[in-house]
Amino acid sequence: MKFDLGYWWPFARTAWGWIVASATILAGFYYFPKKMLETFDWYMNRFRDYKVRDFLESLVIISPLANEQAHTRAEVKSVQQIASATRLSEKRVKGCLRRLREKRIVKTSGQDGWRANVSS
């Protein structure tokens, strides 16, 4: 029994078909990892990181004075406090905090403290 690829895929009968298919496969290998990682980041932000971000941003205190930058401060919370407030495990909270720190949404404060980045 002979396997004829042209029967199943008529585009494979020509040289241009193979060239286009090869270019498509190479482009897929080039663009797929980036899109996969962007999608993963979007899912993490959509379903996990928002809880930690919203909790830390809710602790920002803004003074009603004229110079708001000098009188804006954020409360510092530990990983354990964030985990109990968001009902996530400490391991997941640490992962969320790492991703949020890379995006410059949160900052470390002290040994185990985290706070919202009020300058952004």
C-alpha atoms as a PDB file:
ATOM      1  CA  MET A   1       0.000   0.000   0.000  1.00  0.00           C
ATOM      2  CA  LYS A   2       1.467   3.291  -1.091  1.00  0.00           C
ATOM      3  CA  PHE A   3       0.848   6.472   0.897  1.00  0.00           C
ATOM      4  CA  ASP A   4       0.153   9.391  -1.413  1.00  0.00           C
ATOM      5  CA  LEU A   5       0.311  12.699   0.473  1.00  0.00           C
ATOM      6  CA  GLY A   6      -1.002  14.528  -2.598  1.00  0.00           C
ATOM      7  CA  TYR A   7      -4.258  12.615  -2.319  1.00  0.00           C
ATOM      8  CA  TRP A   8      -4.884  13.853   1.223  1.00  0.00           C
ATOM      9  CA  TRP A   9      -3.311  17.257   0.751  1.00  0.00           C
ATOM     10  CA  PRO A  10      -3.396  18.473  -2.875  1.00  0.00           C
ATOM     11  CA  PHE A  11      -1.214  21.466  -1.988  1.00  0.00           C
ATOM     12  CA  ALA A  12       1.718  19.057  -1.461  1.00  0.00           C
ATOM     13  CA  ARG A  13       1.881  18.205  -5.151  1.00  0.00           C
ATOM     14  CA  THR A  14       3.825  21.379  -6.018  1.00  0.00           C
ATOM     15  CA  ALA A  15       7.135  22.814  -4.891  1.00  0.00           C
ATOM     16  CA  TRP A  16       5.437  26.078  -3.898  1.00  0.00           C
ATOM     17  CA  GLY A  17       3.119  24.106  -1.648  1.00  0.00           C
ATOM     18  CA  TRP A  18       6.086  22.630   0.202  1.00  0.00           C
ATOM     19  CA  ILE A  19       7.795  26.031   0.433  1.00  0.00           C
ATOM     20  CA  VAL A  20       4.700  27.691   1.892  1.00  0.00           C
ATOM     21  CA  ALA A  21       4.146  24.787   4.287  1.00  0.00           C
ATOM     22  CA  SER A  22       7.777  24.938   5.449  1.00  0.00           C
ATOM     23  CA  ALA A  23       7.589  28.712   5.966  1.00  0.00           C
ATOM     24  CA  THR A  24       4.357  28.302   7.926  1.00  0.00           C
ATOM     25  CA  ILE A  25       5.894  25.652  10.171  1.00  0.00           C
ATOM     26  CA  LEU A  26       8.998  27.785  10.789  1.00  0.00           C
ATOM     27  CA  ALA A  27       6.832  30.828  11.602  1.00  0.00           C
ATOM     28  CA  GLY A  28       4.839  28.672  13.995  1.00  0.00           C
ATOM     29  CA  PHE A  29       7.980  27.581  15.806  1.00  0.00           C
ATOM     30  CA  TYR A  30       9.125  31.195  15.989  1.00  0.00           C
ATOM     31  CA  TYR A  31       5.876  32.820  17.207  1.00  0.00           C
ATOM     32  CA  PHE A  32       4.271  30.024  19.239  1.00  0.00           C
ATOM     33  CA  PRO A  33       6.376  30.278  22.437  1.00  0.00           C
ATOM     34  CA  LYS A  34       5.829  34.042  22.747  1.00  0.00           C
ATOM     35  CA  LYS A  35       2.071  33.751  22.243  1.00  0.00           C
ATOM     36  CA  MET A  36       1.912  30.824  24.652  1.00  0.00           C
ATOM     37  CA  LEU A  37       3.700  32.799  27.384  1.00  0.00           C
ATOM     38  CA  GLU A  38       1.573  35.910  26.776  1.00  0.00           C
ATOM     39  CA  THR A  39      -1.555  33.773  27.072  1.00  0.00           C
ATOM     40  CA  PHE A  40      -0.269  32.211  30.294  1.00  0.00           C
ATOM     41  CA  ASP A  41       0.437  35.679  31.743  1.00  0.00           C
ATOM     42  CA  TRP A  42      -3.045  36.831  30.754  1.00  0.00           C
ATOM     43  CA  TYR A  43      -4.675  33.817  32.439  1.00  0.00           C
ATOM     44  CA  MET A  44      -2.618  34.294  35.604  1.00  0.00           C
ATOM     45  CA  ASN A  45      -3.546  37.984  35.738  1.00  0.00           C
ATOM     46  CA  ARG A  46      -7.198  37.263  34.973  1.00  0.00           C
ATOM     47  CA  PHE A  47      -7.779  34.453  37.454  1.00  0.00           C
ATOM     48  CA  ARG A  48      -5.177  34.804  40.250  1.00  0.00           C
ATOM     49  CA  ASP A  49      -3.140  37.986  40.352  1.00  0.00           C
ATOM     50  CA  TYR A  50      -6.114  40.327  40.428  1.00  0.00           C
ATOM     51  CA  LYS A  51      -7.056  39.183  43.940  1.00  0.00           C
ATOM     52  CA  VAL A  52      -3.669  40.098  45.364  1.00  0.00           C
ATOM     53  CA  ARG A  53      -3.475  43.339  43.356  1.00  0.00           C
ATOM     54  CA  ASP A  54      -6.964  44.455  44.414  1.00  0.00           C
ATOM     55  CA  PHE A  55      -6.259  43.645  48.062  1.00  0.00           C
ATOM     56  CA  LEU A  56      -3.002  45.628  48.136  1.00  0.00           C
ATOM     57  CA  GLU A  57      -4.469  48.541  46.179  1.00  0.00           C
ATOM     58  CA  SER A  58      -7.391  48.712  48.615  1.00  0.00           C
ATOM     59  CA  LEU A  59      -4.869  49.491  51.362  1.00  0.00           C
ATOM     60  CA  VAL A  60      -3.595  52.658  49.661  1.00  0.00           C
ATOM     61  CA  ILE A  61      -4.443  55.756  51.683  1.00  0.00           C
ATOM     62  CA  ILE A  62      -4.667  59.054  49.808  1.00  0.00           C
ATOM     63  CA  SER A  63      -4.560  62.274  51.770  1.00  0.00           C
ATOM     64  CA  PRO A  64      -6.986  65.038  50.762  1.00  0.00           C
ATOM     65  CA  LEU A  65      -4.158  67.588  50.910  1.00  0.00           C
ATOM     66  CA  ALA A  66      -2.985  69.503  47.841  1.00  0.00           C
ATOM     67  CA  ASN A  67       0.265  67.613  47.366  1.00  0.00           C
ATOM     68  CA  GLU A  68      -1.043  64.077  46.929  1.00  0.00           C
ATOM     69  CA  GLN A  69       2.263  62.415  46.048  1.00  0.00           C
ATOM     70  CA  ALA A  70       3.831  63.336  49.356  1.00  0.00           C
ATOM     71  CA  HIS A  71       0.779  62.212  51.309  1.00  0.00           C
ATOM     72  CA  THR A  72      -0.050  58.940  49.561  1.00  0.00           C
ATOM     73  CA  ARG A  73       0.972  55.826  51.384  1.00  0.00           C
ATOM     74  CA  ALA A  74       0.256  52.142  51.213  1.00  0.00           C
ATOM     75  CA  GLU A  75      -0.029  49.762  54.129  1.00  0.00           C
ATOM     76  CA  VAL A  76       2.500  46.954  54.311  1.00  0.00           C
ATOM     77  CA  LYS A  77       1.197  43.390  54.594  1.00  0.00           C
ATOM     78  CA  SER A  78       3.012  40.086  54.950  1.00  0.00           C
ATOM     79  CA  VAL A  79       2.519  37.074  52.701  1.00  0.00           C
ATOM     80  CA  GLN A  80       0.540  35.316  55.435  1.00  0.00           C
ATOM     81  CA  GLN A  81      -1.835  38.264  55.792  1.00  0.00           C
ATOM     82  CA  ILE A  82      -2.340  38.497  52.042  1.00  0.00           C
ATOM     83  CA  ALA A  83      -2.944  34.746  51.813  1.00  0.00           C
ATOM     84  CA  SER A  84      -5.591  34.805  54.527  1.00  0.00           C
ATOM     85  CA  ALA A  85      -7.313  37.864  53.037  1.00  0.00           C
ATOM     86  CA  THR A  86      -7.413  36.487  49.484  1.00  0.00           C
ATOM     87  CA  ARG A  87      -7.984  32.845  50.490  1.00  0.00           C
ATOM     88  CA  LEU A  88      -5.057  31.672  48.374  1.00  0.00           C
ATOM     89  CA  SER A  89      -2.203  29.480  49.545  1.00  0.00           C
ATOM     90  CA  GLU A  90       1.058  31.172  50.476  1.00  0.00           C
ATOM     91  CA  LYS A  91       2.804  29.510  47.533  1.00  0.00           C
ATOM     92  CA  ARG A  92       0.288  30.982  45.081  1.00  0.00           C
ATOM     93  CA  VAL A  93       0.479  34.386  46.751  1.00  0.00           C
ATOM     94  CA  LYS A  94       4.267  34.370  46.403  1.00  0.00           C
ATOM     95  CA  GLY A  95       3.913  33.558  42.708  1.00  0.00           C
ATOM     96  CA  CYS A  96       1.375  36.343  42.260  1.00  0.00           C
ATOM     97  CA  LEU A  97       3.610  38.801  44.091  1.00  0.00           C
ATOM     98  CA  ARG A  98       6.581  37.821  41.935  1.00  0.00           C
ATOM     99  CA  ARG A  99       4.609  38.406  38.730  1.00  0.00           C
ATOM    100  CA  LEU A 100       3.156  41.677  40.032  1.00  0.00           C
ATOM    101  CA  ARG A 101       6.617  42.874  41.094  1.00  0.00           C
ATOM    102  CA  GLU A 102       7.904  42.215  37.566  1.00  0.00           C
ATOM    103  CA  LYS A 103       5.078  44.410  36.254  1.00  0.00           C
ATOM    104  CA  ARG A 104       5.953  47.055  38.908  1.00  0.00           C
ATOM    105  CA  ILE A 105       2.506  46.934  40.505  1.00  0.00           C
ATOM    106  CA  VAL A 106       3.769  45.974  43.981  1.00  0.00           C
ATOM    107  CA  LYS A 107       6.984  46.605  45.925  1.00  0.00           C
ATOM    108  CA  THR A 108       8.758  44.799  48.705  1.00  0.00           C
ATOM    109  CA  SER A 109       8.947  46.592  51.990  1.00  0.00           C
ATOM    110  CA  GLY A 110      11.154  45.275  54.730  1.00  0.00           C
ATOM    111  CA  GLN A 111      11.940  41.615  55.243  1.00  0.00           C
ATOM    112  CA  ASP A 112       8.584  40.004  54.405  1.00  0.00           C
ATOM    113  CA  GLY A 113       6.386  43.004  53.669  1.00  0.00           C
ATOM    114  CA  TRP A 114       4.615  43.879  50.451  1.00  0.00           C
ATOM    115  CA  ARG A 115       2.741  46.998  49.453  1.00  0.00           C
ATOM    116  CA  ALA A 116       1.154  48.512  46.344  1.00  0.00           C
ATOM    117  CA  ASN A 117       3.385  50.669  44.200  1.00  0.00           C
ATOM    118  CA  VAL A 118       1.666  54.047  44.605  1.00  0.00           C
ATOM    119  CA  SER A 119       4.018  55.848  42.226  1.00  0.00           C
ATOM    120  CA  SER A 120       2.614  54.003  39.186  1.00  0.00           C
END
